[in-house]
Amino acid sequence: MRLGGAKSKMNTQRSMPVYEVRPRKDKRGVDLISDVLPFGRLWYTKPDDAVEYVKFRSRSHDAVIRV
C-alpha cells in the first residue's frame, strides 16, 4: 500500500483566508472585509493599519490580502 502521492496532497490542502481592504463610501478611511473576521468587516483610518492587523492575525498561517 502506498501512502502519499498527488491524490492525498489534494485532500489535505486548505483554502487560505482572503482579506480585502476597500475605501469606504463616505471617504472616511477603509474597511477590512473577510469571512474569517468575527463581525465581517472592520473600519480603519489608514490602509496600512488594516494590512498590519492582517499580518498580525495571520502570522501562524498564510493569507491573501487584496488592496
PDB file of N, CA and C in Angstrom:
ATOM      1  N   MET A   1       0.841  -1.179   0.000  1.00  0.00           N
ATOM      2  CA  MET A   1       0.000   0.000   0.000  1.00  0.00           C
ATOM      3  C   MET A   1       0.883   1.237   0.000  1.00  0.00           C
ATOM      4  N   ARG A   2       0.556   2.190  -0.856  1.00  0.00           N
ATOM      5  CA  ARG A   2       1.330   3.418  -0.984  1.00  0.00           C
ATOM      6  C   ARG A   2       0.657   4.558  -0.246  1.00  0.00           C
ATOM      7  N   LEU A   3       1.410   5.268   0.547  1.00  0.00           N
ATOM      8  CA  LEU A   3       0.886   6.449   1.220  1.00  0.00           C
ATOM      9  C   LEU A   3       1.416   7.681   0.526  1.00  0.00           C
ATOM     10  N   GLY A   4       0.645   8.760   0.571  1.00  0.00           N
ATOM     11  CA  GLY A   4       1.094   9.994  -0.054  1.00  0.00           C
ATOM     12  C   GLY A   4       0.635  10.063  -1.492  1.00  0.00           C
ATOM     13  N   GLY A   5       1.424  10.734  -2.305  1.00  0.00           N
ATOM     14  CA  GLY A   5       1.072  10.889  -3.702  1.00  0.00           C
ATOM     15  C   GLY A   5       0.212  12.117  -3.933  1.00  0.00           C
ATOM     16  N   ALA A   6      -0.091  12.397  -5.203  1.00  0.00           N
ATOM     17  CA  ALA A   6      -0.827  13.600  -5.588  1.00  0.00           C
ATOM     18  C   ALA A   6      -2.242  13.606  -5.029  1.00  0.00           C
ATOM     19  N   LYS A   7      -2.873  12.442  -5.002  1.00  0.00           N
ATOM     20  CA  LYS A   7      -4.264  12.395  -4.555  1.00  0.00           C
ATOM     21  C   LYS A   7      -4.384  12.788  -3.086  1.00  0.00           C
ATOM     22  N   SER A   8      -3.514  12.287  -2.213  1.00  0.00           N
ATOM     23  CA  SER A   8      -3.609  12.635  -0.797  1.00  0.00           C
ATOM     24  C   SER A   8      -3.201  14.084  -0.552  1.00  0.00           C
ATOM     25  N   LYS A   9      -2.301  14.637  -1.348  1.00  0.00           N
ATOM     26  CA  LYS A   9      -1.924  16.041  -1.200  1.00  0.00           C
ATOM     27  C   LYS A   9      -3.103  16.948  -1.505  1.00  0.00           C
ATOM     28  N   MET A  10      -3.893  16.594  -2.490  1.00  0.00           N
ATOM     29  CA  MET A  10      -5.048  17.408  -2.842  1.00  0.00           C
ATOM     30  C   MET A  10      -6.079  17.404  -1.724  1.00  0.00           C
ATOM     31  N   ASN A  11      -6.227  16.303  -1.018  1.00  0.00           N
ATOM     32  CA  ASN A  11      -7.214  16.221   0.044  1.00  0.00           C
ATOM     33  C   ASN A  11      -6.805  16.987   1.289  1.00  0.00           C
ATOM     34  N   THR A  12      -5.516  17.220   1.480  1.00  0.00           N
ATOM     35  CA  THR A  12      -5.063  17.885   2.695  1.00  0.00           C
ATOM     36  C   THR A  12      -4.915  19.388   2.523  1.00  0.00           C
ATOM     37  N   GLN A  13      -5.087  19.918   1.328  1.00  0.00           N
ATOM     38  CA  GLN A  13      -4.951  21.348   1.122  1.00  0.00           C
ATOM     39  C   GLN A  13      -6.153  22.080   1.699  1.00  0.00           C
ATOM     40  N   ARG A  14      -5.877  23.194   2.373  1.00  0.00           N
ATOM     41  CA  ARG A  14      -6.941  24.039   2.895  1.00  0.00           C
ATOM     42  C   ARG A  14      -6.901  25.370   2.177  1.00  0.00           C
ATOM     43  N   SER A  15      -8.037  26.011   2.087  1.00  0.00           N
ATOM     44  CA  SER A  15      -8.058  27.311   1.429  1.00  0.00           C
ATOM     45  C   SER A  15      -7.517  28.373   2.388  1.00  0.00           C
ATOM     46  N   MET A  16      -6.861  29.365   1.825  1.00  0.00           N
ATOM     47  CA  MET A  16      -6.309  30.460   2.610  1.00  0.00           C
ATOM     48  C   MET A  16      -7.387  31.504   2.849  1.00  0.00           C
ATOM     49  N   PRO A  17      -7.376  32.132   4.016  1.00  0.00           N
ATOM     50  CA  PRO A  17      -8.322  33.231   4.231  1.00  0.00           C
ATOM     51  C   PRO A  17      -7.974  34.408   3.325  1.00  0.00           C
ATOM     52  N   VAL A  18      -8.989  35.076   2.834  1.00  0.00           N
ATOM     53  CA  VAL A  18      -8.805  36.228   1.951  1.00  0.00           C
ATOM     54  C   VAL A  18      -9.332  37.464   2.666  1.00  0.00           C
ATOM     55  N   TYR A  19      -8.512  38.508   2.724  1.00  0.00           N
ATOM     56  CA  TYR A  19      -8.882  39.783   3.313  1.00  0.00           C
ATOM     57  C   TYR A  19      -8.895  40.827   2.210  1.00  0.00           C
ATOM     58  N   GLU A  20      -9.877  41.723   2.227  1.00  0.00           N
ATOM     59  CA  GLU A  20      -9.937  42.809   1.252  1.00  0.00           C
ATOM     60  C   GLU A  20      -9.944  44.141   1.984  1.00  0.00           C
ATOM     61  N   VAL A  21      -9.137  45.077   1.489  1.00  0.00           N
ATOM     62  CA  VAL A  21      -9.119  46.439   2.009  1.00  0.00           C
ATOM     63  C   VAL A  21      -9.787  47.314   0.955  1.00  0.00           C
ATOM     64  N   ARG A  22     -10.935  47.907   1.325  1.00  0.00           N
ATOM     65  CA  ARG A  22     -11.696  48.734   0.382  1.00  0.00           C
ATOM     66  C   ARG A  22     -11.923  50.125   0.968  1.00  0.00           C
ATOM     67  N   PRO A  23     -11.874  51.154   0.120  1.00  0.00           N
ATOM     68  CA  PRO A  23     -12.201  52.501   0.626  1.00  0.00           C
ATOM     69  C   PRO A  23     -13.681  52.577   1.001  1.00  0.00           C
ATOM     70  N   ARG A  24     -13.968  53.323   2.066  1.00  0.00           N
ATOM     71  CA  ARG A  24     -15.359  53.490   2.499  1.00  0.00           C
ATOM     72  C   ARG A  24     -16.093  54.446   1.560  1.00  0.00           C
ATOM     73  N   LYS A  25     -17.383  54.250   1.419  1.00  0.00           N
ATOM     74  CA  LYS A  25     -18.183  55.119   0.549  1.00  0.00           C
ATOM     75  C   LYS A  25     -18.239  56.549   1.073  1.00  0.00           C
ATOM     76  N   ASP A  26     -18.176  56.706   2.399  1.00  0.00           N
ATOM     77  CA  ASP A  26     -18.208  58.053   2.976  1.00  0.00           C
ATOM     78  C   ASP A  26     -16.820  58.706   3.000  1.00  0.00           C
ATOM     79  N   LYS A  27     -15.825  58.034   2.425  1.00  0.00           N
ATOM     80  CA  LYS A  27     -14.449  58.532   2.286  1.00  0.00           C
ATOM     81  C   LYS A  27     -13.780  58.828   3.631  1.00  0.00           C
ATOM     82  N   ARG A  28     -14.176  58.094   4.675  1.00  0.00           N
ATOM     83  CA  ARG A  28     -13.586  58.257   5.993  1.00  0.00           C
ATOM     84  C   ARG A  28     -12.795  57.016   6.369  1.00  0.00           C
ATOM     85  N   GLY A  29     -11.795  56.677   5.603  1.00  0.00           N
ATOM     86  CA  GLY A  29     -10.955  55.527   5.907  1.00  0.00           C
ATOM     87  C   GLY A  29     -11.228  54.350   4.994  1.00  0.00           C
ATOM     88  N   VAL A  30     -10.926  53.156   5.499  1.00  0.00           N
ATOM     89  CA  VAL A  30     -11.081  51.932   4.713  1.00  0.00           C
ATOM     90  C   VAL A  30     -11.784  50.868   5.551  1.00  0.00           C
ATOM     91  N   ASP A  31     -12.398  49.915   4.872  1.00  0.00           N
ATOM     92  CA  ASP A  31     -12.988  48.749   5.516  1.00  0.00           C
ATOM     93  C   ASP A  31     -12.105  47.548   5.239  1.00  0.00           C
ATOM     94  N   LEU A  32     -11.869  46.751   6.259  1.00  0.00           N
ATOM     95  CA  LEU A  32     -11.200  45.459   6.110  1.00  0.00           C
ATOM     96  C   LEU A  32     -12.302  44.413   6.126  1.00  0.00           C
ATOM     97  N   ILE A  33     -12.440  43.670   5.035  1.00  0.00           N
ATOM     98  CA  ILE A  33     -13.545  42.737   4.868  1.00  0.00           C
ATOM     99  C   ILE A  33     -12.998  41.325   4.696  1.00  0.00           C
ATOM    100  N   SER A  34     -13.619  40.359   5.401  1.00  0.00           N
ATOM    101  CA  SER A  34     -13.248  38.964   5.265  1.00  0.00           C
ATOM    102  C   SER A  34     -14.307  38.081   5.921  1.00  0.00           C
ATOM    103  N   ASP A  35     -14.393  36.850   5.447  1.00  0.00           N
ATOM    104  CA  ASP A  35     -15.300  35.881   6.053  1.00  0.00           C
ATOM    105  C   ASP A  35     -14.786  35.386   7.401  1.00  0.00           C
ATOM    106  N   VAL A  36     -13.491  35.496   7.633  1.00  0.00           N
ATOM    107  CA  VAL A  36     -12.918  34.981   8.874  1.00  0.00           C
ATOM    108  C   VAL A  36     -12.979  35.987  10.026  1.00  0.00           C
ATOM    109  N   LEU A  37     -13.356  37.226   9.745  1.00  0.00           N
ATOM    110  CA  LEU A  37     -13.493  38.210  10.817  1.00  0.00           C
ATOM    111  C   LEU A  37     -14.781  37.956  11.589  1.00  0.00           C
ATOM    112  N   PRO A  38     -14.762  38.161  12.897  1.00  0.00           N
ATOM    113  CA  PRO A  38     -15.949  37.846  13.692  1.00  0.00           C
ATOM    114  C   PRO A  38     -17.195  38.655  13.308  1.00  0.00           C
ATOM    115  N   PHE A  39     -17.036  39.894  12.858  1.00  0.00           N
ATOM    116  CA  PHE A  39     -18.188  40.725  12.506  1.00  0.00           C
ATOM    117  C   PHE A  39     -18.243  41.053  11.017  1.00  0.00           C
ATOM    118  N   GLY A  40     -17.411  40.427  10.216  1.00  0.00           N
ATOM    119  CA  GLY A  40     -17.456  40.617   8.771  1.00  0.00           C
ATOM    120  C   GLY A  40     -16.592  41.737   8.248  1.00  0.00           C
ATOM    121  N   ARG A  41     -16.570  42.880   8.943  1.00  0.00           N
ATOM    122  CA  ARG A  41     -15.740  43.995   8.486  1.00  0.00           C
ATOM    123  C   ARG A  41     -15.270  44.841   9.660  1.00  0.00           C
ATOM    124  N   LEU A  42     -14.108  45.445   9.477  1.00  0.00           N
ATOM    125  CA  LEU A  42     -13.547  46.356  10.468  1.00  0.00           C
ATOM    126  C   LEU A  42     -13.225  47.673   9.778  1.00  0.00           C
ATOM    127  N   TRP A  43     -13.311  48.783  10.503  1.00  0.00           N
ATOM    128  CA  TRP A  43     -13.044  50.101   9.950  1.00  0.00           C
ATOM    129  C   TRP A  43     -11.683  50.589  10.421  1.00  0.00           C
ATOM    130  N   TYR A  44     -10.891  51.132   9.497  1.00  0.00           N
ATOM    131  CA  TYR A  44      -9.582  51.706   9.802  1.00  0.00           C
ATOM    132  C   TYR A  44      -9.455  53.054   9.111  1.00  0.00           C
ATOM    133  N   THR A  45      -8.648  53.945   9.702  1.00  0.00           N
ATOM    134  CA  THR A  45      -8.443  55.259   9.092  1.00  0.00           C
ATOM    135  C   THR A  45      -7.427  55.198   7.957  1.00  0.00           C
ATOM    136  N   LYS A  46      -6.466  54.262   8.050  1.00  0.00           N
ATOM    137  CA  LYS A  46      -5.439  54.140   7.007  1.00  0.00           C
ATOM    138  C   LYS A  46      -5.351  52.692   6.526  1.00  0.00           C
ATOM    139  N   PRO A  47      -5.114  52.485   5.226  1.00  0.00           N
ATOM    140  CA  PRO A  47      -4.950  51.120   4.714  1.00  0.00           C
ATOM    141  C   PRO A  47      -3.793  50.365   5.372  1.00  0.00           C
ATOM    142  N   ASP A  48      -2.729  51.083   5.726  1.00  0.00           N
ATOM    143  CA  ASP A  48      -1.569  50.439   6.356  1.00  0.00           C
ATOM    144  C   ASP A  48      -1.945  49.767   7.671  1.00  0.00           C
ATOM    145  N   ASP A  49      -2.841  50.391   8.441  1.00  0.00           N
ATOM    146  CA  ASP A  49      -3.271  49.804   9.713  1.00  0.00           C
ATOM    147  C   ASP A  49      -4.038  48.508   9.489  1.00  0.00           C
ATOM    148  N   ALA A  50      -4.860  48.472   8.449  1.00  0.00           N
ATOM    149  CA  ALA A  50      -5.627  47.264   8.139  1.00  0.00           C
ATOM    150  C   ALA A  50      -4.690  46.128   7.734  1.00  0.00           C
ATOM    151  N   VAL A  51      -3.689  46.439   6.937  1.00  0.00           N
ATOM    152  CA  VAL A  51      -2.732  45.418   6.491  1.00  0.00           C
ATOM    153  C   VAL A  51      -1.923  44.905   7.683  1.00  0.00           C
ATOM    154  N   GLU A  52      -1.523  45.788   8.584  1.00  0.00           N
ATOM    155  CA  GLU A  52      -0.783  45.365   9.774  1.00  0.00           C
ATOM    156  C   GLU A  52      -1.622  44.436  10.644  1.00  0.00           C
ATOM    157  N   TYR A  53      -2.926  44.702  10.763  1.00  0.00           N
ATOM    158  CA  TYR A  53      -3.809  43.830  11.531  1.00  0.00           C
ATOM    159  C   TYR A  53      -3.838  42.427  10.926  1.00  0.00           C
ATOM    160  N   VAL A  54      -3.950  42.351   9.591  1.00  0.00           N
ATOM    161  CA  VAL A  54      -3.992  41.043   8.923  1.00  0.00           C
ATOM    162  C   VAL A  54      -2.671  40.313   9.110  1.00  0.00           C
ATOM    163  N   LYS A  55      -1.569  41.018   8.989  1.00  0.00           N
ATOM    164  CA  LYS A  55      -0.263  40.388   9.195  1.00  0.00           C
ATOM    165  C   LYS A  55      -0.147  39.801  10.605  1.00  0.00           C
ATOM    166  N   PHE A  56      -0.626  40.552  11.595  1.00  0.00           N
ATOM    167  CA  PHE A  56      -0.562  40.079  12.978  1.00  0.00           C
ATOM    168  C   PHE A  56      -1.490  38.889  13.184  1.00  0.00           C
ATOM    169  N   ARG A  57      -2.710  38.979  12.682  1.00  0.00           N
ATOM    170  CA  ARG A  57      -3.707  37.929  12.900  1.00  0.00           C
ATOM    171  C   ARG A  57      -3.337  36.628  12.188  1.00  0.00           C
ATOM    172  N   SER A  58      -2.671  36.717  11.043  1.00  0.00           N
ATOM    173  CA  SER A  58      -2.373  35.519  10.254  1.00  0.00           C
ATOM    174  C   SER A  58      -0.895  35.138  10.318  1.00  0.00           C
ATOM    175  N   ARG A  59      -0.229  35.474  11.407  1.00  0.00           N
ATOM    176  CA  ARG A  59       1.210  35.191  11.485  1.00  0.00           C
ATOM    177  C   ARG A  59       1.538  33.709  11.546  1.00  0.00           C
ATOM    178  N   SER A  60       0.587  32.870  11.930  1.00  0.00           N
ATOM    179  CA  SER A  60       0.855  31.428  12.000  1.00  0.00           C
ATOM    180  C   SER A  60       0.389  30.670  10.757  1.00  0.00           C
ATOM    181  N   HIS A  61      -0.213  31.373   9.811  1.00  0.00           N
ATOM    182  CA  HIS A  61      -0.658  30.725   8.577  1.00  0.00           C
ATOM    183  C   HIS A  61      -0.645  31.745   7.433  1.00  0.00           C
ATOM    184  N   ASP A  62      -0.711  31.266   6.217  1.00  0.00           N
ATOM    185  CA  ASP A  62      -0.709  32.152   5.050  1.00  0.00           C
ATOM    186  C   ASP A  62      -2.075  32.799   4.884  1.00  0.00           C
ATOM    187  N   ALA A  63      -2.079  33.966   4.281  1.00  0.00           N
ATOM    188  CA  ALA A  63      -3.319  34.678   3.985  1.00  0.00           C
ATOM    189  C   ALA A  63      -3.126  35.501   2.721  1.00  0.00           C
ATOM    190  N   VAL A  64      -4.224  35.845   2.069  1.00  0.00           N
ATOM    191  CA  VAL A  64      -4.212  36.680   0.877  1.00  0.00           C
ATOM    192  C   VAL A  64      -4.788  38.034   1.276  1.00  0.00           C
ATOM    193  N   ILE A  65      -4.071  39.116   0.938  1.00  0.00           N
ATOM    194  CA  ILE A  65      -4.541  40.474   1.222  1.00  0.00           C
ATOM    195  C   ILE A  65      -4.734  41.196  -0.108  1.00  0.00           C
ATOM    196  N   ARG A  66      -5.956  41.598  -0.381  1.00  0.00           N
ATOM    197  CA  ARG A  66      -6.254  42.348  -1.601  1.00  0.00           C
ATOM    198  C   ARG A  66      -6.479  43.815  -1.224  1.00  0.00           C
ATOM    199  N   VAL A  67      -5.730  44.687  -1.868  1.00  0.00           N
ATOM    200  CA  VAL A  67      -5.858  46.127  -1.585  1.00  0.00           C
ATOM    201  C   VAL A  67      -6.385  46.818  -2.817  1.00  0.00           C
TER     202      VAL A  67
END
